Amino acid sequence: MSYKIIISKTALKDLKKIDKSTRARIAKKLQFYIKQGAPLDFARLLVHSSIGQYRLRVGHFRIAFDLDGDKINITRIQHRKDV
């Protein structure tokens, strides 16, 4: 199954606060997760789903997202100490 990534305005603001090399690493890892065909195999279910249903880990950063059919709606990208 092919997934489409949709990034919210809040997640874009989060990305702009992150240095360039880490942003590139996050983008590369997101592409890896998508190409695997089952991104939920790498995701964890969030207990308090106020920022999203699931999260992915990229180094010290957490990507919170909701899954809607074949769309991955990224809601937040934050350092693990802030999540």
N, C-alpha and C. Protein backbone atom coordinates (compact mmCIF):
# COMPACT_ATOMS: atom_id res chain seq x y z
N MET A 1 0.84 -1.18 0.00
CA MET A 1 0.00 0.00 0.00
C MET A 1 0.89 1.24 0.00
N SER A 2 0.51 2.22 -0.77
CA SER A 2 1.25 3.47 -0.86
C SER A 2 0.61 4.51 0.07
N TYR A 3 1.43 5.16 0.86
CA TYR A 3 0.95 6.17 1.80
C TYR A 3 1.36 7.56 1.35
N LYS A 4 0.54 8.53 1.72
CA LYS A 4 0.81 9.93 1.41
C LYS A 4 1.00 10.66 2.73
N ILE A 5 2.04 11.47 2.82
CA ILE A 5 2.34 12.22 4.04
C ILE A 5 1.73 13.61 3.94
N ILE A 6 0.99 13.99 4.96
CA ILE A 6 0.42 15.33 5.05
C ILE A 6 0.95 15.93 6.35
N ILE A 7 1.60 17.10 6.24
CA ILE A 7 2.20 17.74 7.41
C ILE A 7 1.36 18.94 7.81
N SER A 8 0.97 18.99 9.09
CA SER A 8 0.16 20.10 9.58
C SER A 8 1.00 21.37 9.72
N LYS A 9 0.34 22.51 9.87
CA LYS A 9 1.04 23.78 10.06
C LYS A 9 1.88 23.77 11.33
N THR A 10 1.35 23.15 12.37
CA THR A 10 2.08 23.06 13.63
C THR A 10 3.35 22.23 13.46
N ALA A 11 3.27 21.14 12.73
CA ALA A 11 4.44 20.30 12.49
C ALA A 11 5.46 21.04 11.63
N LEU A 12 5.01 21.86 10.69
CA LEU A 12 5.94 22.66 9.89
C LEU A 12 6.68 23.67 10.76
N LYS A 13 5.97 24.28 11.71
CA LYS A 13 6.62 25.19 12.65
C LYS A 13 7.66 24.45 13.48
N ASP A 14 7.30 23.24 13.91
CA ASP A 14 8.25 22.42 14.68
C ASP A 14 9.49 22.12 13.85
N LEU A 15 9.30 21.79 12.57
CA LEU A 15 10.43 21.47 11.69
C LEU A 15 11.36 22.66 11.50
N LYS A 16 10.80 23.86 11.40
CA LYS A 16 11.62 25.05 11.18
C LYS A 16 12.53 25.33 12.37
N LYS A 17 12.16 24.86 13.55
CA LYS A 17 12.97 25.07 14.76
C LYS A 17 14.13 24.09 14.86
N ILE A 18 14.10 23.04 14.05
CA ILE A 18 15.11 21.98 14.10
C ILE A 18 16.22 22.31 13.11
N ASP A 19 17.48 21.98 13.48
CA ASP A 19 18.60 22.27 12.59
C ASP A 19 18.49 21.46 11.29
N LYS A 20 19.20 21.94 10.28
CA LYS A 20 19.08 21.42 8.92
C LYS A 20 19.46 19.95 8.80
N SER A 21 20.52 19.53 9.45
CA SER A 21 20.96 18.14 9.32
C SER A 21 19.95 17.18 9.96
N THR A 22 19.35 17.59 11.07
CA THR A 22 18.35 16.75 11.72
C THR A 22 17.08 16.69 10.89
N ARG A 23 16.71 17.79 10.26
CA ARG A 23 15.54 17.79 9.37
C ARG A 23 15.74 16.81 8.22
N ALA A 24 16.95 16.80 7.67
CA ALA A 24 17.25 15.87 6.57
C ALA A 24 17.15 14.43 7.06
N ARG A 25 17.64 14.17 8.27
CA ARG A 25 17.57 12.83 8.83
C ARG A 25 16.13 12.40 9.07
N ILE A 26 15.29 13.33 9.54
CA ILE A 26 13.87 13.04 9.76
C ILE A 26 13.19 12.72 8.43
N ALA A 27 13.46 13.51 7.40
CA ALA A 27 12.85 13.28 6.08
C ALA A 27 13.28 11.93 5.52
N LYS A 28 14.55 11.61 5.65
CA LYS A 28 15.07 10.34 5.15
C LYS A 28 14.41 9.16 5.88
N LYS A 29 14.27 9.28 7.18
CA LYS A 29 13.67 8.19 7.97
C LYS A 29 12.18 8.05 7.65
N LEU A 30 11.48 9.16 7.44
CA LEU A 30 10.06 9.09 7.06
C LEU A 30 9.91 8.36 5.73
N GLN A 31 10.77 8.66 4.77
CA GLN A 31 10.72 7.98 3.49
C GLN A 31 10.98 6.48 3.66
N PHE A 32 11.90 6.12 4.55
CA PHE A 32 12.17 4.72 4.82
C PHE A 32 10.93 4.02 5.38
N TYR A 33 10.28 4.66 6.36
CA TYR A 33 9.09 4.07 6.96
C TYR A 33 7.98 3.88 5.93
N ILE A 34 7.81 4.86 5.04
CA ILE A 34 6.77 4.80 4.02
C ILE A 34 7.07 3.69 3.00
N LYS A 35 8.33 3.56 2.60
CA LYS A 35 8.70 2.56 1.59
C LYS A 35 8.53 1.13 2.11
N GLN A 36 8.53 0.94 3.40
CA GLN A 36 8.38 -0.40 3.96
C GLN A 36 6.97 -0.94 3.75
N GLY A 37 6.01 -0.07 3.48
CA GLY A 37 4.66 -0.51 3.18
C GLY A 37 3.76 -0.64 4.40
N ALA A 38 4.34 -0.75 5.57
CA ALA A 38 3.55 -0.87 6.81
C ALA A 38 4.19 0.00 7.88
N PRO A 39 3.96 1.32 7.83
CA PRO A 39 4.62 2.20 8.80
C PRO A 39 4.19 1.94 10.25
N LEU A 40 3.05 1.31 10.45
CA LEU A 40 2.61 1.03 11.82
C LEU A 40 3.47 -0.05 12.48
N ASP A 41 4.23 -0.79 11.69
CA ASP A 41 5.16 -1.76 12.27
C ASP A 41 6.25 -1.07 13.07
N PHE A 42 6.55 0.19 12.73
CA PHE A 42 7.60 0.95 13.39
C PHE A 42 7.03 1.95 14.39
N ALA A 43 5.73 2.11 14.44
CA ALA A 43 5.09 3.12 15.28
C ALA A 43 4.63 2.53 16.61
N ARG A 44 4.46 3.42 17.55
CA ARG A 44 3.90 3.05 18.85
C ARG A 44 2.59 3.81 19.04
N LEU A 45 1.65 3.16 19.66
CA LEU A 45 0.36 3.78 19.96
C LEU A 45 0.55 4.75 21.12
N LEU A 46 0.02 5.96 20.99
CA LEU A 46 0.12 6.94 22.07
C LEU A 46 -1.00 6.71 23.08
N VAL A 47 -0.67 6.79 24.35
CA VAL A 47 -1.64 6.60 25.41
C VAL A 47 -2.58 7.79 25.48
N HIS A 48 -2.02 9.00 25.52
CA HIS A 48 -2.82 10.23 25.54
C HIS A 48 -2.80 10.79 24.13
N SER A 49 -3.86 10.57 23.42
CA SER A 49 -3.88 10.88 21.99
C SER A 49 -4.29 12.32 21.69
N SER A 50 -3.88 13.27 22.51
CA SER A 50 -4.24 14.66 22.25
C SER A 50 -3.45 15.23 21.06
N ILE A 51 -2.26 14.70 20.78
CA ILE A 51 -1.47 15.20 19.65
C ILE A 51 -1.46 14.24 18.47
N GLY A 52 -1.96 13.05 18.63
CA GLY A 52 -2.01 12.07 17.55
C GLY A 52 -2.25 10.68 18.08
N GLN A 53 -2.51 9.76 17.18
CA GLN A 53 -2.77 8.37 17.57
C GLN A 53 -1.49 7.58 17.78
N TYR A 54 -0.47 7.86 16.95
CA TYR A 54 0.76 7.08 16.94
C TYR A 54 1.97 8.01 16.99
N ARG A 55 3.15 7.39 17.23
CA ARG A 55 4.38 8.15 17.16
C ARG A 55 5.47 7.29 16.52
N LEU A 56 6.35 7.96 15.82
CA LEU A 56 7.54 7.35 15.26
C LEU A 56 8.76 7.97 15.94
N ARG A 57 9.82 7.23 16.03
CA ARG A 57 11.03 7.73 16.66
C ARG A 57 12.11 7.93 15.61
N VAL A 58 12.73 9.11 15.64
CA VAL A 58 13.88 9.40 14.80
C VAL A 58 14.92 10.03 15.71
N GLY A 59 15.84 9.24 16.20
CA GLY A 59 16.84 9.74 17.14
C GLY A 59 16.17 10.22 18.42
N HIS A 60 16.43 11.47 18.77
CA HIS A 60 15.83 12.06 19.97
C HIS A 60 14.49 12.74 19.67
N PHE A 61 14.04 12.66 18.43
CA PHE A 61 12.80 13.32 18.05
C PHE A 61 11.66 12.32 17.90
N ARG A 62 10.46 12.79 18.20
CA ARG A 62 9.26 11.98 18.08
C ARG A 62 8.33 12.65 17.08
N ILE A 63 7.78 11.84 16.19
CA ILE A 63 6.85 12.33 15.17
C ILE A 63 5.48 11.77 15.51
N ALA A 64 4.57 12.65 15.94
CA ALA A 64 3.21 12.24 16.28
C ALA A 64 2.36 12.35 15.02
N PHE A 65 1.53 11.33 14.79
CA PHE A 65 0.71 11.34 13.58
C PHE A 65 -0.58 10.56 13.79
N ASP A 66 -1.51 10.84 12.88
CA ASP A 66 -2.77 10.11 12.79
C ASP A 66 -2.76 9.37 11.46
N LEU A 67 -3.36 8.21 11.44
CA LEU A 67 -3.47 7.43 10.21
C LEU A 67 -4.91 7.48 9.74
N ASP A 68 -5.10 7.92 8.49
CA ASP A 68 -6.43 8.04 7.91
C ASP A 68 -6.42 7.34 6.55
N GLY A 69 -6.68 6.04 6.57
CA GLY A 69 -6.64 5.27 5.32
C GLY A 69 -5.23 5.17 4.80
N ASP A 70 -4.97 5.80 3.65
CA ASP A 70 -3.63 5.78 3.08
C ASP A 70 -2.89 7.10 3.31
N LYS A 71 -3.39 7.94 4.22
CA LYS A 71 -2.78 9.23 4.53
C LYS A 71 -2.20 9.22 5.94
N ILE A 72 -0.98 9.69 6.05
CA ILE A 72 -0.34 9.86 7.34
C ILE A 72 -0.33 11.36 7.63
N ASN A 73 -1.14 11.78 8.59
CA ASN A 73 -1.26 13.18 8.96
C ASN A 73 -0.32 13.47 10.12
N ILE A 74 0.81 14.09 9.83
CA ILE A 74 1.79 14.41 10.88
C ILE A 74 1.31 15.64 11.62
N THR A 75 1.15 15.50 12.94
CA THR A 75 0.62 16.59 13.75
C THR A 75 1.69 17.35 14.50
N ARG A 76 2.72 16.67 15.00
CA ARG A 76 3.81 17.31 15.76
C ARG A 76 5.11 16.59 15.51
N ILE A 77 6.21 17.35 15.56
CA ILE A 77 7.56 16.80 15.52
C ILE A 77 8.33 17.52 16.62
N GLN A 78 8.63 16.80 17.69
CA GLN A 78 9.27 17.44 18.84
C GLN A 78 10.37 16.57 19.42
N HIS A 79 11.24 17.24 20.16
CA HIS A 79 12.28 16.53 20.90
C HIS A 79 11.61 15.70 21.98
N ARG A 80 12.20 14.58 22.32
CA ARG A 80 11.55 13.66 23.28
C ARG A 80 11.32 14.29 24.65
N LYS A 81 12.13 15.26 25.04
CA LYS A 81 11.93 15.89 26.35
C LYS A 81 10.70 16.80 26.36
N ASP A 82 10.25 17.23 25.17
CA ASP A 82 9.11 18.14 25.08
C ASP A 82 7.79 17.44 24.83
N VAL A 83 7.84 16.17 24.47
CA VAL A 83 6.60 15.46 24.12
C VAL A 83 5.88 15.00 25.35
